[in-house]
Protein backbone atom coordinates (compact mmCIF):
# COMPACT_ATOMS: atom_id res chain seq x y z
CA MET A 1 2.43 -3.40 -20.67
CA GLU A 2 3.91 -6.63 -21.98
CA SER A 3 7.38 -7.11 -23.45
CA PHE A 4 7.74 -8.48 -26.97
CA GLN A 5 10.42 -9.50 -29.48
CA ASN A 6 10.20 -10.07 -33.22
CA ASN A 7 12.19 -10.24 -36.44
CA GLY A 8 11.40 -7.92 -39.31
CA ILE A 9 12.48 -5.80 -42.24
CA TRP A 10 13.42 -2.16 -41.54
CA TRP A 11 13.89 1.06 -43.49
CA VAL A 12 13.76 4.84 -43.32
CA PRO A 13 10.69 6.36 -45.04
CA GLY A 14 11.59 7.56 -48.52
CA THR A 15 14.40 5.06 -49.10
CA PRO A 16 14.02 1.93 -51.25
CA ASP A 17 16.52 -0.32 -49.47
CA ARG A 18 15.52 -2.64 -46.64
CA VAL A 19 17.56 -4.16 -43.79
CA SER A 20 16.70 -7.23 -41.75
CA GLY A 21 16.84 -7.02 -37.98
CA TYR A 22 15.39 -7.81 -34.59
CA VAL A 23 13.26 -5.56 -32.39
CA GLU A 24 12.74 -5.92 -28.65
CA PHE A 25 10.58 -3.91 -26.27
CA SER A 26 10.28 -3.96 -22.49
CA PRO A 27 8.51 -1.38 -20.29
CA SER A 28 11.64 -0.77 -18.22
CA GLU A 29 14.18 -0.69 -21.10
CA GLY A 30 12.24 0.80 -24.00
CA VAL A 31 12.83 -0.20 -27.64
CA THR A 32 16.03 -1.83 -28.91
CA LEU A 33 16.45 -2.34 -32.66
CA ASP A 34 19.33 -4.62 -33.75
CA LEU A 35 19.94 -4.44 -37.51
CA ASN A 36 22.05 -6.90 -39.47
CA ASP A 37 23.38 -4.20 -41.77
CA SER A 38 23.64 -0.42 -41.98
CA LEU A 39 20.30 1.35 -42.26
CA PRO A 40 20.17 3.31 -45.56
CA THR A 41 19.18 6.91 -44.96
CA GLU A 42 18.87 8.67 -48.31
CA GLU A 43 18.62 7.34 -51.84
CA ASP A 44 21.87 7.33 -53.90
CA GLU A 45 24.03 8.16 -50.86
CA ALA A 46 25.74 4.88 -50.14
CA GLU A 47 28.79 6.69 -48.79
CA ARG A 48 26.60 8.15 -46.06
CA MET A 49 26.58 4.73 -44.38
CA PHE A 50 30.27 5.15 -43.54
CA GLN A 51 29.83 8.62 -42.02
CA LYS A 52 27.30 7.90 -39.33
CA GLU A 53 28.02 8.90 -35.74
CA LEU A 54 26.76 7.58 -32.44
CA GLY A 55 23.91 9.64 -31.09
CA GLU A 56 22.41 10.44 -34.47
CA GLU A 57 18.63 10.64 -34.31
CA TYR A 58 16.08 9.27 -36.74
CA PRO A 59 12.54 10.68 -36.44
CA LEU A 60 11.00 7.59 -38.07
CA ILE A 61 12.02 4.03 -38.82
CA TYR A 62 9.44 1.78 -40.47
CA GLY A 63 9.29 -1.97 -40.04
CA ASP A 64 7.36 -4.97 -41.31
CA LEU A 65 7.02 -7.90 -38.90
CA GLY A 66 5.13 -10.13 -41.35
CA HIS A 67 2.18 -11.56 -39.43
CA GLY A 68 3.12 -9.14 -36.60
CA GLY A 69 2.07 -6.21 -38.76
CA GLN A 70 3.48 -2.84 -39.70
CA VAL A 71 5.64 -1.00 -37.18
CA THR A 72 6.65 2.61 -36.60
CA VAL A 73 9.65 3.35 -34.38
CA GLN A 74 9.62 6.99 -33.31
CA ASP A 75 12.66 9.17 -32.46
CA ALA A 76 15.30 6.44 -32.59
CA THR A 77 18.92 7.08 -31.58
CA LEU A 78 21.94 5.24 -33.02
CA THR A 79 23.72 3.58 -30.07
CA SER A 80 26.10 1.09 -31.74
CA ILE A 81 27.71 1.02 -35.18
CA ASN A 82 30.24 -0.95 -37.23
CA SER A 83 31.48 0.53 -40.49
CA GLY A 84 29.00 -0.60 -43.11
CA GLY A 85 27.82 -3.38 -40.82
CA PRO A 86 25.41 -4.12 -37.95
CA GLU A 87 23.79 -1.21 -36.09
CA GLU A 88 21.79 -0.83 -32.90
CA TYR A 89 19.15 1.82 -32.14
CA PHE A 90 17.29 2.85 -29.00
CA ALA A 91 13.86 4.50 -28.83
CA LYS A 92 11.27 5.23 -26.18
CA ARG A 93 8.21 4.61 -28.36
CA ILE A 94 7.02 2.07 -30.89
CA PHE A 95 3.64 1.68 -32.60
CA VAL A 96 2.44 -1.65 -33.96
CA GLY A 97 -0.31 -1.83 -36.58
CA GLU A 98 0.42 0.98 -39.04
CA HIS A 99 3.13 3.12 -40.62
CA LEU A 100 2.52 6.53 -39.06
CA PRO A 101 3.76 9.99 -40.13
CA GLN A 102 6.27 11.93 -38.05
CA ASN A 103 3.65 13.72 -35.93
CA PRO A 104 0.58 11.47 -36.00
CA SER A 105 -2.76 12.55 -34.59
CA PHE A 106 -5.34 10.31 -32.99
CA VAL A 107 -9.02 10.62 -32.14
CA LYS A 108 -8.89 8.34 -29.10
CA ALA A 109 -6.45 6.62 -26.76
CA VAL A 110 -7.48 3.71 -24.53
CA PHE A 111 -5.33 2.83 -21.50
CA PHE A 112 -6.02 -0.61 -20.00
CA ALA A 113 -5.45 -1.02 -16.25
CA ASP A 114 -6.07 -4.30 -14.42
CA GLU A 115 -7.05 -2.53 -11.18
CA ILE A 116 -10.02 -0.62 -12.61
CA PRO A 117 -12.76 -3.31 -12.34
CA GLU A 118 -12.00 -3.90 -8.65
CA TRP A 119 -11.71 -0.17 -7.88
CA THR A 120 -14.98 0.71 -9.60
CA ASN A 121 -16.59 -2.35 -8.01
CA SER A 122 -18.55 -2.99 -11.20
CA SER A 123 -17.54 -6.27 -12.78
CA ILE A 124 -19.77 -6.87 -15.77
CA VAL A 125 -19.21 -10.63 -16.13
CA ARG A 126 -21.45 -12.28 -13.56
CA PRO A 127 -22.58 -15.89 -12.94
CA VAL A 128 -26.17 -16.83 -13.70
CA PHE A 129 -27.66 -19.03 -10.99
CA GLU A 130 -31.08 -19.71 -12.55
CA THR A 131 -30.37 -21.52 -15.83
CA ASP A 132 -33.80 -23.02 -16.62
CA GLN A 133 -34.80 -20.35 -19.14
CA ILE A 134 -31.40 -20.51 -20.80
CA GLU A 135 -31.64 -24.28 -21.16
CA GLU A 136 -35.12 -23.92 -22.66
CA SER A 137 -34.11 -21.22 -25.13
CA MET A 138 -31.04 -23.20 -26.26
CA ASP A 139 -32.86 -26.54 -26.29
CA VAL A 140 -30.29 -28.31 -24.13
CA ASP A 141 -30.84 -30.65 -21.20
CA GLU A 142 -28.45 -29.20 -18.64
CA ILE A 143 -26.18 -26.17 -18.31
CA LYS A 144 -23.70 -26.57 -15.49
CA THR A 145 -22.44 -22.96 -15.43
CA ALA A 146 -23.62 -19.82 -17.19
CA TYR A 147 -22.32 -16.25 -17.21
CA ALA A 148 -23.90 -13.03 -18.37
CA VAL A 149 -22.49 -9.66 -19.41
CA THR A 150 -24.22 -6.76 -17.69
CA ASN A 151 -24.06 -3.02 -18.16
CA ALA A 152 -21.23 -1.25 -16.35
CA SER A 153 -20.99 2.20 -14.85
CA GLU A 154 -18.94 4.82 -16.66
CA TYR A 155 -17.45 7.88 -14.97
CA ALA A 156 -16.37 10.82 -17.13
CA ALA A 157 -14.50 14.08 -16.61
CA ASP A 158 -15.00 16.83 -19.17
CA LEU A 159 -11.74 18.81 -19.20
CA GLY A 160 -12.65 21.17 -22.03
CA GLU A 161 -10.02 20.23 -24.61
CA LEU A 162 -10.70 16.53 -24.08
CA GLU A 163 -12.66 14.03 -22.03
CA VAL A 164 -11.25 11.33 -19.78
CA SER A 165 -13.57 8.48 -18.80
CA ILE A 166 -13.19 5.29 -16.80
CA SER A 167 -15.26 2.22 -17.54
CA ASN A 168 -15.31 -1.56 -17.97
CA TYR A 169 -16.22 -3.87 -20.81
CA ALA A 170 -16.30 -7.61 -21.41
CA ARG A 171 -13.43 -9.16 -23.35
CA ILE A 172 -14.31 -12.55 -24.86
CA SER A 173 -11.69 -14.90 -26.26
CA SER A 174 -12.23 -18.41 -27.53
CA GLU A 175 -10.26 -21.58 -28.16
CA ILE A 176 -11.36 -24.79 -29.83
CA ASP A 177 -12.87 -26.19 -26.63
CA SER A 178 -13.31 -23.14 -24.40
CA VAL A 179 -14.52 -19.56 -24.20
CA GLU A 180 -13.08 -17.06 -21.74
CA MET A 181 -14.89 -13.95 -20.53
CA GLU A 182 -13.29 -11.29 -18.37
CA THR A 183 -14.02 -7.78 -17.21
CA VAL A 184 -11.48 -5.29 -18.56
CA GLY A 185 -11.04 -1.79 -17.15
CA VAL A 186 -9.99 1.19 -19.26
CA PHE A 187 -9.30 4.89 -19.18
CA LYS A 188 -10.40 6.53 -22.44
CA VAL A 189 -8.84 9.83 -23.48
CA ILE A 190 -10.91 11.44 -26.22
CA PRO A 191 -9.85 14.86 -27.55
CA ASP A 192 -12.13 17.44 -29.09
CA GLY A 193 -11.18 16.51 -32.65
CA GLU A 194 -7.66 15.07 -32.97
CA SER A 195 -4.56 15.24 -30.78
CA GLU A 196 -0.93 14.15 -30.89
CA PHE A 197 0.14 11.11 -28.91
CA GLY A 198 2.13 13.20 -26.43
CA LYS A 199 -1.00 15.07 -25.32
CA LEU A 200 -3.06 11.91 -25.00
CA LEU A 201 -0.23 10.24 -23.09
CA GLU A 202 -0.02 13.22 -20.72
CA PHE A 203 -3.64 12.84 -19.67
CA GLY A 204 -3.45 9.06 -19.68
CA ASN A 205 -0.56 9.32 -17.23
CA HIS A 206 -2.57 11.77 -15.14
CA ALA A 207 -5.32 9.15 -14.92
CA LEU A 208 -2.90 6.35 -14.04
CA GLU A 209 -1.21 8.38 -11.29
CA TYR A 210 -4.62 9.43 -9.95
CA LEU A 211 -5.59 5.75 -9.75
CA SER A 212 -2.22 4.91 -8.12
CA PHE A 213 -2.97 7.43 -5.38
CA ALA A 214 -6.50 6.09 -4.91
CA VAL A 215 -5.53 2.40 -4.63
CA GLY A 216 -2.17 2.75 -2.88
CA THR A 217 0.27 1.22 -5.35
CA GLY A 218 1.95 2.17 -8.61
CA ILE A 219 -0.34 1.50 -11.59
CA TYR A 220 0.95 0.92 -15.11
CA PRO A 221 -1.02 0.35 -18.31
CA SER A 222 -1.25 -3.27 -19.38
CA GLU A 223 -2.07 -2.17 -22.93
CA ILE A 224 -2.58 1.03 -24.95
CA GLN A 225 -4.74 1.27 -28.06
CA LEU A 226 -4.78 4.30 -30.37
CA TYR A 227 -7.30 5.20 -33.05
CA THR A 228 -6.66 7.41 -36.09
CA ASP A 229 -10.37 7.15 -36.92
CA PRO A 230 -13.32 6.14 -34.72
CA ASP A 231 -14.04 3.14 -36.96
CA SER A 232 -10.45 2.11 -37.66
CA ARG A 233 -8.61 -0.85 -36.22
CA PRO A 234 -6.62 0.11 -33.11
CA ILE A 235 -2.87 0.69 -33.20
CA ASN A 236 -0.98 -0.69 -30.22
CA GLY A 237 1.32 1.81 -28.53
CA TYR A 238 4.33 0.94 -26.36
CA TYR A 239 6.56 3.35 -24.48
CA LEU A 240 9.28 3.40 -21.84
CA LEU A 241 7.83 3.56 -18.32
CA SER A 242 9.84 5.36 -15.66
CA ASP A 243 10.02 3.65 -12.26
CA TYR A 244 8.43 0.52 -13.72
CA THR A 245 8.03 -2.26 -11.16
CA PRO A 246 6.48 -5.52 -12.43
CA ASN A 247 4.17 -7.77 -10.46
CA ARG A 248 2.60 -5.03 -8.39
CA SER A 249 -0.91 -5.57 -7.09
CA SER A 250 -3.34 -3.48 -5.10
CA SER A 251 -5.56 -4.46 -2.21
CA LYS A 252 -9.08 -3.24 -1.50
CA ALA A 253 -7.91 -2.56 2.05
CA HIS A 254 -5.61 0.18 0.68
CA TYR A 255 -8.24 2.15 -1.26
CA LEU A 256 -8.57 5.75 -0.08
CA PHE A 257 -11.70 6.35 -2.13
CA ARG A 258 -13.76 4.92 -4.98
CA PRO A 259 -15.70 6.72 -7.71
CA ASN A 260 -18.99 5.94 -5.98
CA ASN A 261 -18.03 7.90 -2.84
CA ALA A 262 -15.83 10.64 -4.31
CA ASP A 263 -17.02 12.33 -7.51
CA PHE A 264 -14.67 11.29 -10.32
CA GLU A 265 -14.90 14.47 -12.38
CA THR A 266 -14.26 16.72 -9.37
CA THR A 267 -11.43 14.72 -7.85
CA PHE A 268 -9.71 14.03 -11.18
CA ARG A 269 -9.92 17.66 -12.28
CA ASN A 270 -8.52 18.73 -8.91
CA TRP A 271 -5.74 16.13 -9.24
CA ILE A 272 -4.58 17.65 -12.54
CA GLU A 273 -4.78 21.20 -11.20
CA HIS A 274 -2.89 20.27 -8.03
CA GLN A 275 -0.15 18.55 -10.03
CA ALA A 276 0.34 21.80 -11.96
CA GLU A 277 0.31 23.95 -8.82
CA ALA A 278 2.53 21.69 -6.68
CA PRO A 279 4.60 19.48 -9.01
CA GLU A 280 7.28 18.76 -6.38
CA VAL A 281 4.65 17.28 -4.07
CA HIS A 282 3.56 14.78 -6.72
CA GLN A 283 7.08 14.00 -7.94
CA ASN A 284 8.10 12.96 -4.43
CA TYR A 285 4.86 11.14 -3.67
CA ARG A 286 5.38 9.19 -6.90
CA LEU A 287 8.70 7.94 -5.48
CA LEU A 288 6.94 6.75 -2.33
CA ILE A 289 4.22 4.90 -4.20
CA HIS A 290 6.32 3.42 -7.02
CA ARG A 291 9.55 2.55 -5.17
CA SER A 292 8.92 0.20 -2.29
CA ASN A 293 12.68 -0.40 -1.89
CA LEU A 294 13.56 3.12 -0.68
CA SER A 295 15.76 3.07 2.41
CA PRO A 296 14.11 4.37 5.62
CA GLN A 297 16.29 7.49 5.54
CA LEU A 298 15.49 8.27 1.90
CA ARG A 299 11.79 7.52 2.42
CA PHE A 300 11.72 9.90 5.38
CA LEU A 301 13.47 12.71 3.47
CA THR A 302 11.24 12.20 0.42
CA THR A 303 8.11 12.51 2.57
CA VAL A 304 9.37 15.61 4.35
CA ILE A 305 10.31 17.27 1.06
CA ALA A 306 6.83 16.55 -0.30
CA LEU A 307 5.18 18.07 2.78
CA GLU A 308 7.40 21.16 2.69
CA ALA A 309 6.59 21.58 -1.00
CA LEU A 310 2.88 21.30 -0.20
CA TYR A 311 3.20 24.03 2.42
CA ASP A 312 5.14 26.28 0.03
CA SER A 313 2.49 25.81 -2.67
CA LYS A 314 -0.27 26.81 -0.25
CA TYR A 315 1.61 29.65 1.45
CA PRO A 316 4.17 30.85 -1.14
CA SER A 317 5.07 34.18 0.51
CA GLU A 318 4.76 33.28 4.19
CA THR A 319 7.29 34.95 6.51
CA VAL A 320 7.64 35.14 10.30
CA ILE A 321 7.49 38.94 10.32
CA PRO A 322 6.76 41.42 7.48
CA GLU A 323 9.59 41.73 4.97
CA GLU A 324 10.07 45.50 5.46
CA ARG A 325 10.43 45.14 9.22
CA PHE A 326 12.77 42.18 8.80
CA ASP A 327 14.98 44.16 6.39
CA GLU A 328 15.42 46.81 9.09
CA ILE A 329 16.36 44.22 11.71
CA ARG A 330 18.80 42.53 9.34
CA SER A 331 20.51 45.83 8.55
CA ASP A 332 20.90 46.61 12.27
CA ILE A 333 22.44 43.19 12.93
CA LEU A 334 24.89 43.34 10.04
CA GLU A 335 26.01 46.87 10.93
CA ALA A 336 27.18 45.59 14.31
CA VAL A 337 29.49 43.04 12.64
CA PRO A 338 32.83 44.09 11.04
CA ASN A 339 32.55 44.26 7.24
CA ASP A 340 35.62 42.14 6.56
CA SER A 341 34.76 39.28 8.91
CA ASP A 342 33.62 35.80 7.83
CA LEU A 343 30.89 36.09 10.43
CA GLN A 344 29.13 38.80 8.43
CA GLY A 345 28.89 36.55 5.38
CA GLN A 346 27.59 33.65 7.44
CA LEU A 347 25.05 35.85 9.20
CA TYR A 348 23.90 37.31 5.90
CA GLY A 349 23.25 33.84 4.47
CA LEU A 350 21.42 32.77 7.61
CA LEU A 351 19.29 35.91 7.70
CA GLU A 352 18.60 35.84 3.97
CA HIS A 353 17.53 32.21 3.62
CA VAL A 354 16.48 30.85 7.04
CA VAL A 355 15.58 33.17 9.87
CA ASN A 356 12.44 34.85 8.52
CA TYR A 357 10.84 31.70 7.17
CA PRO A 358 8.74 29.17 9.08
CA SER A 359 10.60 26.14 10.43
CA ILE A 360 9.76 22.63 9.31
CA LYS A 361 7.93 22.18 12.62
CA ASP A 362 5.82 25.30 12.00
CA LYS A 363 5.06 24.20 8.44
CA LEU A 364 3.98 20.71 9.47
CA THR A 365 1.91 22.05 12.35
CA THR A 366 0.08 24.48 10.06
CA LEU A 367 -0.59 21.76 7.49
CA MET A 368 -1.81 19.21 10.02
CA GLU A 369 -4.00 21.70 11.87
CA SER A 370 -5.79 22.40 8.59
CA GLU A 371 -7.13 18.82 8.76
CA GLN A 372 -6.97 18.41 12.53
CA GLN A 373 -10.27 16.58 12.79
CA ILE A 374 -8.89 13.77 10.62
CA LEU A 375 -5.32 13.64 11.91
CA ASP A 376 -6.13 13.91 15.61
CA THR A 377 -7.50 10.40 15.22
CA PHE A 378 -3.95 9.12 14.79
CA PHE A 379 -1.37 11.48 16.32
CA ASP A 380 -0.61 14.32 18.64
CA ILE A 381 0.11 16.98 16.00
CA GLN A 382 2.67 18.92 18.04
CA GLU A 383 4.60 15.79 19.02
CA LEU A 384 4.75 14.54 15.43
CA ALA A 385 5.88 17.94 14.11
CA SER A 386 8.61 18.15 16.78
CA GLU A 387 9.86 14.64 16.04
CA ALA A 388 9.93 15.33 12.29
CA ARG A 389 11.96 18.52 12.85
CA LYS A 390 14.41 16.72 15.13
CA GLN A 391 14.99 13.86 12.70
CA ARG A 392 15.16 16.10 9.63
CA ASN A 393 17.88 18.20 11.27
CA ALA A 394 19.74 15.05 12.35
CA VAL A 395 19.64 13.59 8.83
CA ALA A 396 20.71 16.91 7.29
CA HIS A 397 23.75 17.11 9.60
CA GLY A 398 24.67 13.43 9.33
CA SER A 399 24.12 12.80 13.04
CA ILE A 400 21.39 10.15 12.85
CA GLU A 401 20.83 8.35 16.13
CA SER A 402 17.47 6.73 15.39
CA ALA A 403 17.30 3.12 14.26
CA PRO A 404 16.15 2.52 10.66
CA SER A 405 12.92 1.03 11.98
CA GLU A 406 12.16 4.26 13.88
CA LEU A 407 12.79 6.38 10.78
CA TYR A 408 10.57 4.06 8.76
CA ILE A 409 7.69 4.38 11.25
CA LEU A 410 8.08 8.16 11.24
CA SER A 411 8.06 8.25 7.44
CA ILE A 412 4.84 6.20 7.33
CA LYS A 413 3.21 8.58 9.80
CA LEU A 414 4.15 11.52 7.58
CA GLN A 415 3.00 9.66 4.47
CA LEU A 416 -0.41 9.21 6.10
CA VAL A 417 -0.46 12.96 6.78
CA LEU A 418 0.50 13.69 3.17
CA GLU A 419 -2.21 11.39 1.80
CA ALA A 420 -4.84 12.96 4.04
CA LEU A 421 -3.86 16.46 2.89
CA ILE A 422 -3.75 15.57 -0.82
CA SER A 423 -7.12 13.80 -0.52
CA ARG A 424 -8.68 16.93 0.89
CA GLU A 425 -7.11 19.01 -1.91
CA LEU A 426 -8.96 16.69 -4.29
CA GLU A 427 -12.19 17.20 -2.29
CA VAL A 428 -12.47 13.60 -1.14
CA PRO A 429 -15.14 13.68 1.59
CA ALA A 430 -13.52 14.03 5.02
CA GLU A 431 -15.87 11.61 6.74
CA ASN A 432 -14.56 8.68 4.70
CA LEU A 433 -10.86 9.31 5.22
CA PRO A 434 -10.04 8.22 8.81
CA ASN A 435 -11.18 4.64 8.23
CA ALA A 436 -9.62 4.53 4.74
CA LEU A 437 -6.27 5.84 6.00
CA ALA A 438 -6.29 3.44 8.93
CA SER A 439 -7.00 0.52 6.60
CA ARG A 440 -4.24 1.53 4.17
CA HIS A 441 -1.72 1.81 7.02
CA GLN A 442 -2.88 -1.10 9.14
CA GLY A 443 0.69 -1.94 10.11
CA LEU A 444 1.13 1.55 11.56
CA MET A 445 -2.21 1.27 13.38
CA ASP A 446 -1.03 -1.97 14.98
CA HIS A 447 2.22 -0.30 16.00
CA LEU A 448 0.35 2.65 17.56
CA GLY A 449 -2.25 0.43 19.21
CA ILE A 450 -5.09 2.20 17.38
CA GLY A 451 -8.17 0.05 16.99
CA ASP A 452 -7.21 -2.39 19.75
CA ASN A 453 -10.03 -3.40 22.03
């Protein structure tokens, strides 16, 4: 999503007065609106300009950028003020192309992502090698290079309340002496009827995070187009992106799966359901995939937390022994300790929150054994679980002895485990995963000596 800046005229809907000012948007900073004067709020209330307070919110601010078109700034907050003078506002969203009402509805949202054509492996702009018939039909002597636009595959997921599809199309732009053709990939979110932007954005973000997982790097939309009517001109939407990192690119070597070997509707539906069932897993995995600058210690802890959360989502009531029997044992232990001693309180906390629950080693072992056929290719499951428990305890108690490089290697091993387990939750075919995981983590394979002749 590209940054932009422009000058314009600004006002609050329902007020006749206009104020000049400058708007700036960037994916990482959101919308900043610098006005040259105080923004009038209500007609015939000039004194209101001198009573504004920082933090005041404005549901809508309209703008006119001249050739840049009509603008709607949504949910703006006053961040800087001078009595009767310049003001500054911040917002997370801005729409360019139309003045929208407070809660606009749309019939379609289109999210552009540069990685889609490569991931779907279906570029629709292809060179034509035999040009004789083209030369004859155009009555020209020689064509040096010709390109054709072919049909592209489309993959769709019917989610009941709306449909999400992924496809490509050809974008053609022309200059005085040149024509450019490129394959553009999009996610389309089409509701059953109309839907507010927040709902369409929710499922658009689901699709972008799903693609991030599949290709191995954080994916952000390069452009968003919204339609209030199927035949209307699109409105461009811009919004603040959390964890935005520019200049990210994916590699085919990092793809875990493609839509031609893992059913899109099934895996995408499962992705959404799993996000709802295990949100902490996906929140922490998002950190791993979007923040390449995490320290080895933080990366290790983030991966462990995600794996523990995955275990807890799959086995929410798991205990070492039945609760009733454990309650009896706990009562017997506490009765043997004097009531007024600090030891009783410490024992109670230990017994209540730790003793009857599986250890991190047990949790990791159970998870890895569920996909043992895949993970045995890379590790000894028991050794990896033991090492993870040892390092987790060391980090928790501030007694780290391992070098950062060792923690980093361990975190990558656990990330591979996490990606294998999530893939299987999505129903990605197991037979494709060992090679895909090895390719994604080639550096780890080299370190482990896997694949060496």
